[in-house]
Amino acid sequence: MPAPHLLVMETNTPLSGLEPLLTIEALAEYLDVPVPTIRDWRTDGKGPCAIRVGGRVRFAVSDVLRWLAQQRETEPGRAPTGR
């Protein structure tokens, strides 16, 4: 189940059917890592996929959740498969 605060969005707006997008700052806060870490992950191709909107980087909640699932250990202390 997705974290509730990742799915919060006004439902009485005309855009309520759109998926929420997170800023790099919001993603860094959620993951409890510094913003430069998110930028480094993007440069190294390690972080979640992003969307550029008007030159700004945004992250779709579904992409973040998918990426997080891929980071899960296969067993305690074991890296995800293929890493």
Protein backbone atom coordinates (compact mmCIF):
# COMPACT_ATOMS: atom_id res chain seq x y z
CA MET A 1 0.00 0.00 0.00
CA PRO A 2 1.46 3.38 -0.93
CA ALA A 3 2.36 5.78 1.84
CA PRO A 4 -0.73 7.93 2.45
CA HIS A 5 1.11 11.25 2.23
CA LEU A 6 2.30 10.35 -1.29
CA LEU A 7 -1.29 10.09 -2.47
CA VAL A 8 -2.75 13.23 -0.89
CA MET A 9 -4.16 15.63 -3.45
CA GLU A 10 -7.12 17.94 -3.59
CA THR A 11 -10.02 16.00 -5.07
CA ASN A 12 -12.29 18.94 -5.78
CA THR A 13 -10.13 20.44 -8.55
CA PRO A 14 -10.46 19.82 -12.29
CA LEU A 15 -7.04 18.10 -12.16
CA SER A 16 -8.00 15.57 -9.49
CA GLY A 17 -7.64 12.67 -11.94
CA LEU A 18 -3.96 13.42 -12.51
CA GLU A 19 -1.21 11.60 -10.66
CA PRO A 20 0.61 13.73 -8.09
CA LEU A 21 4.12 14.88 -8.97
CA LEU A 22 6.81 15.41 -6.34
CA THR A 23 9.50 18.05 -6.44
CA ILE A 24 13.09 16.98 -5.89
CA GLU A 25 12.89 18.60 -2.46
CA ALA A 26 9.74 16.66 -1.53
CA LEU A 27 11.31 13.39 -2.68
CA ALA A 28 14.50 14.09 -0.72
CA GLU A 29 12.45 14.86 2.39
CA TYR A 30 10.38 11.68 1.99
CA LEU A 31 13.50 9.52 1.55
CA ASP A 32 15.35 11.44 4.29
CA VAL A 33 18.34 12.13 2.04
CA PRO A 34 19.88 15.43 0.95
CA VAL A 35 18.72 16.97 -2.35
CA PRO A 36 22.25 16.61 -3.81
CA THR A 37 21.96 12.85 -3.27
CA ILE A 38 18.85 12.75 -5.46
CA ARG A 39 20.71 14.78 -8.10
CA ASP A 40 23.70 12.40 -7.91
CA TRP A 41 21.39 9.39 -8.28
CA ARG A 42 19.88 10.98 -11.40
CA THR A 43 23.33 11.67 -12.87
CA ASP A 44 24.40 8.08 -12.15
CA GLY A 45 21.12 6.57 -13.40
CA LYS A 46 20.35 5.11 -9.96
CA GLY A 47 17.27 7.00 -8.80
CA PRO A 48 13.63 6.93 -9.87
CA CYS A 49 12.68 8.14 -13.34
CA ALA A 50 11.77 11.80 -13.53
CA ILE A 51 9.63 14.05 -15.68
CA ARG A 52 10.80 17.45 -16.89
CA VAL A 53 8.07 20.08 -16.78
CA GLY A 54 9.11 23.51 -17.98
CA GLY A 55 12.74 22.70 -17.25
CA ARG A 56 11.97 21.53 -13.72
CA VAL A 57 12.36 17.97 -12.51
CA ARG A 58 9.31 16.23 -11.06
CA PHE A 59 8.77 12.65 -9.93
CA ALA A 60 5.53 10.74 -10.49
CA VAL A 61 4.43 8.96 -7.33
CA SER A 62 4.03 5.70 -9.28
CA ASP A 63 7.65 5.90 -10.51
CA VAL A 64 8.90 6.51 -6.99
CA LEU A 65 6.91 3.58 -5.60
CA ARG A 66 8.14 1.30 -8.40
CA TRP A 67 11.75 2.36 -7.78
CA LEU A 68 11.38 1.82 -4.03
CA ALA A 69 10.04 -1.69 -4.61
CA GLN A 70 13.12 -2.44 -6.71
CA GLN A 71 15.36 -1.34 -3.81
CA ARG A 72 13.84 -3.84 -1.37
CA GLU A 73 16.21 -6.52 -0.11
CA THR A 74 15.43 -10.06 -1.24
CA GLU A 75 16.33 -11.21 2.28
CA PRO A 76 17.63 -9.30 5.30
CA GLY A 77 21.12 -8.10 4.45
CA ARG A 78 20.93 -9.14 0.78
CA ALA A 79 20.90 -6.64 -2.05
CA PRO A 80 18.04 -6.70 -4.55
CA THR A 81 18.42 -9.22 -7.38
CA GLY A 82 20.77 -8.10 -10.12
CA ARG A 83 22.84 -5.75 -7.96
